[in-house]
Amino acid sequence: MNENLPPCPTCSGVYTYEMGALLVCPECGHEWQAGGEAAAEAEGGAKVIKDAVGNVLADGDTVTVVKTLKVKGSPSGIKAGTKVRNIRLVDGVDGHDIDCKVDGFGAMQLKSSVVKKV
């Protein structure tokens, strides 16, 4: 096994392997290009944030929530299919990297893994 391969960015698994131009994690099935996002960050570019299906997100995008989310203090939560307009990408806490206003709930932070770009 090659000791130079990075751990999986999704699950931090150490058993990654090369398959052509991609790196693959056998634990979670995540596939990514070697040096793709890390190289973009190292060159001084901003961190690349992707939605649940792999589309690159940017400030001002409109996204849709892909699964129902529980919200503390609310009996119903945010239902799947709710549109969120004009998002801002931030370095959030605990993976919450989208700052937005959700109709009926107000300002909150969401994880990019629970939204899909419209």
Protein backbone atom coordinates (compact mmCIF):
# COMPACT_ATOMS: atom_id res chain seq x y z
CA MET A 1 0.00 0.00 0.00
CA ASN A 2 1.31 3.44 -0.88
CA GLU A 3 2.12 5.48 2.24
CA ASN A 4 1.93 8.78 0.30
CA LEU A 5 -1.82 8.73 -0.35
CA PRO A 6 -3.89 11.22 1.66
CA PRO A 7 -6.77 10.08 3.88
CA CYS A 8 -10.34 10.34 2.62
CA PRO A 9 -11.65 13.94 2.89
CA THR A 10 -15.16 12.65 3.67
CA CYS A 11 -14.63 10.01 6.36
CA SER A 12 -10.87 10.37 7.09
CA GLY A 13 -10.33 6.71 6.19
CA VAL A 14 -6.68 5.75 5.74
CA TYR A 15 -7.18 2.88 3.27
CA THR A 16 -7.39 5.02 0.12
CA TYR A 17 -6.13 3.64 -3.17
CA GLU A 18 -5.57 4.88 -6.72
CA MET A 19 -7.88 3.94 -9.57
CA GLY A 20 -6.66 5.65 -12.71
CA ALA A 21 -6.59 9.40 -12.10
CA LEU A 22 -8.88 9.12 -9.05
CA LEU A 23 -8.32 8.29 -5.41
CA VAL A 24 -10.95 6.00 -3.88
CA CYS A 25 -11.96 5.33 -0.27
CA PRO A 26 -13.17 1.73 0.19
CA GLU A 27 -14.80 2.58 3.52
CA CYS A 28 -17.32 5.19 2.32
CA GLY A 29 -16.99 4.89 -1.49
CA HIS A 30 -15.94 8.53 -1.98
CA GLU A 31 -13.91 9.26 -5.14
CA TRP A 32 -11.85 12.40 -5.74
CA GLN A 33 -9.02 13.67 -7.92
CA ALA A 34 -5.55 13.56 -6.44
CA GLY A 35 -4.58 17.07 -5.35
CA GLY A 36 -7.77 18.63 -6.73
CA GLU A 37 -9.18 20.72 -3.88
CA ALA A 38 -5.99 20.75 -1.83
CA ALA A 39 -4.03 22.11 -4.80
CA ALA A 40 -6.60 24.87 -5.36
CA GLU A 41 -6.30 25.90 -1.69
CA ALA A 42 -2.49 25.77 -1.77
CA GLU A 43 -2.42 28.10 -4.80
CA GLY A 44 -4.17 30.77 -2.76
CA GLY A 45 -7.66 30.09 -4.09
CA ALA A 46 -10.66 29.85 -1.81
CA LYS A 47 -11.85 26.51 -0.48
CA VAL A 48 -14.13 24.75 -2.94
CA ILE A 49 -17.53 23.98 -1.41
CA LYS A 50 -19.77 21.48 -3.18
CA ASP A 51 -23.42 20.56 -2.68
CA ALA A 52 -24.85 17.09 -2.06
CA VAL A 53 -24.50 16.06 -5.73
CA GLY A 54 -21.09 17.60 -6.41
CA ASN A 55 -21.97 20.99 -7.93
CA VAL A 56 -19.64 23.81 -6.91
CA LEU A 57 -21.42 26.46 -4.81
CA ALA A 58 -20.78 30.21 -4.88
CA ASP A 59 -22.04 33.24 -2.96
CA GLY A 60 -25.50 34.33 -4.10
CA ASP A 61 -26.60 30.91 -5.38
CA THR A 62 -30.08 29.50 -4.84
CA VAL A 63 -30.22 26.02 -3.32
CA THR A 64 -32.87 23.49 -2.36
CA VAL A 65 -32.82 21.47 0.87
CA VAL A 66 -32.64 17.76 -0.07
CA LYS A 67 -33.80 16.22 3.22
CA THR A 68 -36.01 17.31 6.09
CA LEU A 69 -33.98 19.02 8.81
CA LYS A 70 -34.86 19.19 12.49
CA VAL A 71 -34.61 22.67 13.96
CA LYS A 72 -34.29 23.11 17.70
CA GLY A 73 -37.38 24.91 19.05
CA SER A 74 -39.50 24.27 15.96
CA PRO A 75 -42.09 21.49 15.82
CA SER A 76 -41.90 21.04 12.03
CA GLY A 77 -38.31 21.82 10.99
CA ILE A 78 -37.24 22.62 7.43
CA LYS A 79 -38.95 20.38 4.91
CA ALA A 80 -37.18 18.80 1.96
CA GLY A 81 -37.63 20.89 -1.18
CA THR A 82 -37.45 24.25 0.60
CA LYS A 83 -35.71 26.85 -1.59
CA VAL A 84 -33.05 29.02 0.00
CA ARG A 85 -32.00 32.09 -1.97
CA ASN A 86 -28.86 34.21 -1.86
CA ILE A 87 -26.55 31.98 0.21
CA ARG A 88 -23.18 33.07 1.59
CA LEU A 89 -20.28 30.65 1.95
CA VAL A 90 -18.49 30.89 5.31
CA ASP A 91 -15.97 28.98 7.38
CA GLY A 92 -18.58 27.71 9.79
CA VAL A 93 -18.46 25.60 12.90
CA ASP A 94 -18.85 21.81 12.70
CA GLY A 95 -19.25 21.67 8.92
CA HIS A 96 -21.93 24.36 8.65
CA ASP A 97 -20.48 26.25 5.69
CA ILE A 98 -23.56 28.06 4.31
CA ASP A 99 -25.00 31.18 5.95
CA CYS A 100 -28.53 32.00 4.79
CA LYS A 101 -32.05 33.14 5.61
CA VAL A 102 -34.74 30.47 5.39
CA ASP A 103 -38.33 31.69 4.92
CA GLY A 104 -40.29 31.06 8.10
CA PHE A 105 -37.18 30.38 10.20
CA GLY A 106 -34.85 33.35 9.79
CA ALA A 107 -31.06 33.41 9.68
CA MET A 108 -29.24 30.10 10.12
CA GLN A 109 -26.30 28.04 8.96
CA LEU A 110 -26.61 24.88 6.87
CA LYS A 111 -24.21 22.16 5.79
CA SER A 112 -23.48 21.97 2.08
CA SER A 113 -24.12 18.22 2.20
CA VAL A 114 -27.88 18.77 2.73
CA VAL A 115 -28.51 21.20 -0.16
CA LYS A 116 -28.61 20.97 -3.95
CA LYS A 117 -27.91 23.85 -6.34
CA VAL A 118 -30.90 24.94 -8.42
